[in-house]
C-alpha atoms as a PDB file:
ATOM      1  CA  UNK A   1     200.323 131.646 -13.525  1.00  0.00           C
ATOM      2  CA  UNK A   2     200.941 134.566 -15.774  1.00  0.00           C
ATOM      3  CA  UNK A   3     199.996 137.919 -14.382  1.00  0.00           C
ATOM      4  CA  UNK A   4     199.780 141.096 -16.577  1.00  0.00           C
ATOM      5  CA  UNK A   5     199.433 144.358 -15.033  1.00  0.00           C
ATOM      6  CA  UNK A   6     198.668 146.412 -18.222  1.00  0.00           C
ATOM      7  CA  UNK A   7     195.260 144.707 -19.010  1.00  0.00           C
ATOM      8  CA  UNK A   8     193.179 146.253 -16.264  1.00  0.00           C
ATOM      9  CA  UNK A   9     192.815 150.209 -17.030  1.00  0.00           C
ATOM     10  CA  UNK A  10     192.239 150.601 -13.167  1.00  0.00           C
ATOM     11  CA  UNK A  11     195.319 149.934 -12.279  1.00  0.00           C
ATOM     12  CA  UNK A  12     194.867 146.117 -10.998  1.00  0.00           C
ATOM     13  CA  UNK A  13     196.252 143.105 -11.954  1.00  0.00           C
ATOM     14  CA  UNK A  14     194.934 140.373 -14.352  1.00  0.00           C
ATOM     15  CA  UNK A  15     195.973 136.640 -13.461  1.00  0.00           C
ATOM     16  CA  UNK A  16     195.276 133.630 -15.844  1.00  0.00           C
ATOM     17  CA  UNK A  17     196.168 130.065 -15.054  1.00  0.00           C
ATOM     18  CA  UNK A  18     197.760 128.094 -17.987  1.00  0.00           C
ATOM     19  CA  UNK A  19     195.282 125.876 -17.189  1.00  0.00           C
ATOM     20  CA  UNK A  20     193.157 127.624 -18.752  1.00  0.00           C
ATOM     21  CA  UNK A  21     194.909 128.196 -22.086  1.00  0.00           C
ATOM     22  CA  UNK A  22     195.728 124.760 -22.347  1.00  0.00           C
ATOM     23  CA  UNK A  23     191.955 124.051 -22.023  1.00  0.00           C
ATOM     24  CA  UNK A  24     190.950 126.744 -24.951  1.00  0.00           C
ATOM     25  CA  UNK A  25     194.163 124.792 -27.001  1.00  0.00           C
ATOM     26  CA  UNK A  26     192.870 121.441 -26.493  1.00  0.00           C
ATOM     27  CA  UNK A  27     189.175 122.144 -27.289  1.00  0.00           C
ATOM     28  CA  UNK A  28     190.402 124.595 -30.643  1.00  0.00           C
ATOM     29  CA  UNK A  29     192.525 121.194 -31.861  1.00  0.00           C
ATOM     30  CA  UNK A  30     189.595 118.791 -31.060  1.00  0.00           C
ATOM     31  CA  UNK A  31     187.155 120.863 -33.633  1.00  0.00           C
ATOM     32  CA  UNK A  32     189.434 120.251 -36.648  1.00  0.00           C
ATOM     33  CA  UNK A  33     188.167 117.497 -38.975  1.00  0.00           C
ATOM     34  CA  UNK A  34     190.885 115.008 -39.592  1.00  0.00           C
ATOM     35  CA  UNK A  35     192.296 115.178 -36.045  1.00  0.00           C
ATOM     36  CA  UNK A  36     192.297 112.242 -34.106  1.00  0.00           C
ATOM     37  CA  UNK A  37     193.527 113.188 -30.919  1.00  0.00           C
ATOM     38  CA  UNK A  38     196.318 115.320 -29.095  1.00  0.00           C
ATOM     39  CA  UNK A  39     199.552 113.560 -28.736  1.00  0.00           C
ATOM     40  CA  UNK A  40     200.414 112.117 -25.528  1.00  0.00           C
ATOM     41  CA  UNK A  41     203.851 110.027 -25.134  1.00  0.00           C
ATOM     42  CA  UNK A  42     206.017 109.169 -21.977  1.00  0.00           C
ATOM     43  CA  UNK A  43     208.402 112.270 -22.111  1.00  0.00           C
ATOM     44  CA  UNK A  44     205.499 114.216 -22.251  1.00  0.00           C
ATOM     45  CA  UNK A  45     203.770 112.968 -19.239  1.00  0.00           C
ATOM     46  CA  UNK A  46     207.161 113.186 -17.696  1.00  0.00           C
ATOM     47  CA  UNK A  47     207.278 116.576 -17.851  1.00  0.00           C
ATOM     48  CA  UNK A  48     203.380 117.203 -17.002  1.00  0.00           C
ATOM     49  CA  UNK A  49     204.599 116.451 -13.863  1.00  0.00           C
ATOM     50  CA  UNK A  50     207.453 118.426 -13.395  1.00  0.00           C
ATOM     51  CA  UNK A  51     206.256 121.748 -14.778  1.00  0.00           C
ATOM     52  CA  UNK A  52     202.612 123.183 -15.152  1.00  0.00           C
ATOM     53  CA  UNK A  53     203.342 124.279 -18.669  1.00  0.00           C
ATOM     54  CA  UNK A  54     202.718 120.982 -20.333  1.00  0.00           C
ATOM     55  CA  UNK A  55     198.950 120.037 -20.845  1.00  0.00           C
ATOM     56  CA  UNK A  56     197.811 116.806 -22.905  1.00  0.00           C
ATOM     57  CA  UNK A  57     199.653 117.080 -26.094  1.00  0.00           C
ATOM     58  CA  UNK A  58     200.455 120.615 -25.461  1.00  0.00           C
ATOM     59  CA  UNK A  59     202.802 123.048 -24.086  1.00  0.00           C
ATOM     60  CA  UNK A  60     202.552 126.598 -23.527  1.00  0.00           C
ATOM     61  CA  UNK A  61     205.196 129.331 -22.842  1.00  0.00           C
ATOM     62  CA  UNK A  62     205.038 132.728 -21.941  1.00  0.00           C
ATOM     63  CA  UNK A  63     207.736 135.046 -22.443  1.00  0.00           C
ATOM     64  CA  UNK A  64     207.850 139.024 -22.331  1.00  0.00           C
ATOM     65  CA  UNK A  65     203.750 138.775 -22.764  1.00  0.00           C
ATOM     66  CA  UNK A  66     203.484 136.827 -25.265  1.00  0.00           C
ATOM     67  CA  UNK A  67     201.988 132.979 -25.447  1.00  0.00           C
ATOM     68  CA  UNK A  68     204.449 130.337 -27.812  1.00  0.00           C
ATOM     69  CA  UNK A  69     201.955 127.347 -28.237  1.00  0.00           C
ATOM     70  CA  UNK A  70     203.093 123.904 -29.097  1.00  0.00           C
ATOM     71  CA  UNK A  71     200.722 121.436 -30.413  1.00  0.00           C
ATOM     72  CA  UNK A  72     201.085 117.661 -30.485  1.00  0.00           C
ATOM     73  CA  UNK A  73     198.653 115.804 -32.215  1.00  0.00           C
ATOM     74  CA  UNK A  74     197.864 112.942 -34.219  1.00  0.00           C
ATOM     75  CA  UNK A  75     195.904 112.853 -37.767  1.00  0.00           C
ATOM     76  CA  UNK A  76     193.485 110.331 -39.496  1.00  0.00           C
ATOM     77  CA  UNK A  77     195.080 108.521 -42.437  1.00  0.00           C
ATOM     78  CA  UNK A  78     193.134 110.205 -45.537  1.00  0.00           C
ATOM     79  CA  UNK A  79     193.522 114.161 -44.288  1.00  0.00           C
ATOM     80  CA  UNK A  80     196.033 116.248 -46.144  1.00  0.00           C
ATOM     81  CA  UNK A  81     198.285 116.846 -43.298  1.00  0.00           C
ATOM     82  CA  UNK A  82     199.356 120.491 -44.195  1.00  0.00           C
ATOM     83  CA  UNK A  83     195.887 121.168 -44.468  1.00  0.00           C
ATOM     84  CA  UNK A  84     195.176 119.927 -41.087  1.00  0.00           C
ATOM     85  CA  UNK A  85     198.408 121.195 -38.960  1.00  0.00           C
ATOM     86  CA  UNK A  86     197.341 125.110 -40.777  1.00  0.00           C
ATOM     87  CA  UNK A  87     193.103 124.824 -39.610  1.00  0.00           C
ATOM     88  CA  UNK A  88     194.590 123.729 -36.343  1.00  0.00           C
ATOM     89  CA  UNK A  89     197.111 126.614 -35.974  1.00  0.00           C
ATOM     90  CA  UNK A  90     194.257 129.150 -36.988  1.00  0.00           C
ATOM     91  CA  UNK A  91     191.652 127.358 -34.815  1.00  0.00           C
ATOM     92  CA  UNK A  92     194.064 127.753 -31.775  1.00  0.00           C
ATOM     93  CA  UNK A  93     195.522 131.396 -32.228  1.00  0.00           C
ATOM     94  CA  UNK A  94     191.640 133.215 -33.112  1.00  0.00           C
ATOM     95  CA  UNK A  95     190.434 131.183 -29.839  1.00  0.00           C
ATOM     96  CA  UNK A  96     193.358 132.318 -27.646  1.00  0.00           C
ATOM     97  CA  UNK A  97     192.826 135.584 -29.486  1.00  0.00           C
ATOM     98  CA  UNK A  98     188.801 135.874 -28.550  1.00  0.00           C
ATOM     99  CA  UNK A  99     189.285 134.241 -25.267  1.00  0.00           C
ATOM    100  CA  UNK A 100     192.101 136.069 -23.319  1.00  0.00           C
ATOM    101  CA  UNK A 101     193.728 139.230 -24.554  1.00  0.00           C
ATOM    102  CA  UNK A 102     197.375 138.064 -25.020  1.00  0.00           C
ATOM    103  CA  UNK A 103     199.686 138.958 -27.788  1.00  0.00           C
ATOM    104  CA  UNK A 104     200.705 135.329 -29.624  1.00  0.00           C
ATOM    105  CA  UNK A 105     204.104 134.904 -30.495  1.00  0.00           C
ATOM    106  CA  UNK A 106     203.924 131.490 -32.194  1.00  0.00           C
ATOM    107  CA  UNK A 107     201.726 128.343 -32.348  1.00  0.00           C
ATOM    108  CA  UNK A 108     203.351 125.508 -33.842  1.00  0.00           C
ATOM    109  CA  UNK A 109     201.848 121.848 -35.158  1.00  0.00           C
ATOM    110  CA  UNK A 110     203.835 118.923 -34.805  1.00  0.00           C
ATOM    111  CA  UNK A 111     202.298 116.090 -35.949  1.00  0.00           C
ATOM    112  CA  UNK A 112     202.979 112.959 -33.969  1.00  0.00           C
ATOM    113  CA  UNK A 113     201.689 110.164 -36.137  1.00  0.00           C
ATOM    114  CA  UNK A 114     198.888 108.994 -38.114  1.00  0.00           C
ATOM    115  CA  UNK A 115     195.589 106.664 -37.200  1.00  0.00           C
ATOM    116  CA  UNK A 116     194.635 104.028 -40.039  1.00  0.00           C
ATOM    117  CA  UNK A 117     191.789 102.851 -38.305  1.00  0.00           C
ATOM    118  CA  UNK A 118     189.182 105.243 -36.442  1.00  0.00           C
ATOM    119  CA  UNK A 119     188.723 101.606 -34.471  1.00  0.00           C
ATOM    120  CA  UNK A 120     192.237 101.868 -33.184  1.00  0.00           C
ATOM    121  CA  UNK A 121     191.496 105.422 -31.277  1.00  0.00           C
ATOM    122  CA  UNK A 122     188.471 103.526 -29.154  1.00  0.00           C
ATOM    123  CA  UNK A 123     190.407 100.354 -28.304  1.00  0.00           C
END
């Protein structure tokens, strides 16, 4: 949970669950052509059980009222990896900014692998 007392001009506070931000990150990432899926490995599965900061293929940190997002993805073969990473980074940043009034510090994209055949994903 994230609580910000500065957002409400009436003196109240706003409480934001990190799962909301993780959902926004997931949707924004999947919108980009060339992204196969958010990557999930054994280590992140264990971390997700222990900490609520981890989602399926993403990690959220909030420090000094700023968000730092790490997104782990796999991409399809034939796409420019740096273009995909940039597009995901911009889409995540714009999606969070438009839905949540919180300052974004960083959006880091980690490409964990390349999928050569689209049929591998459905199996």
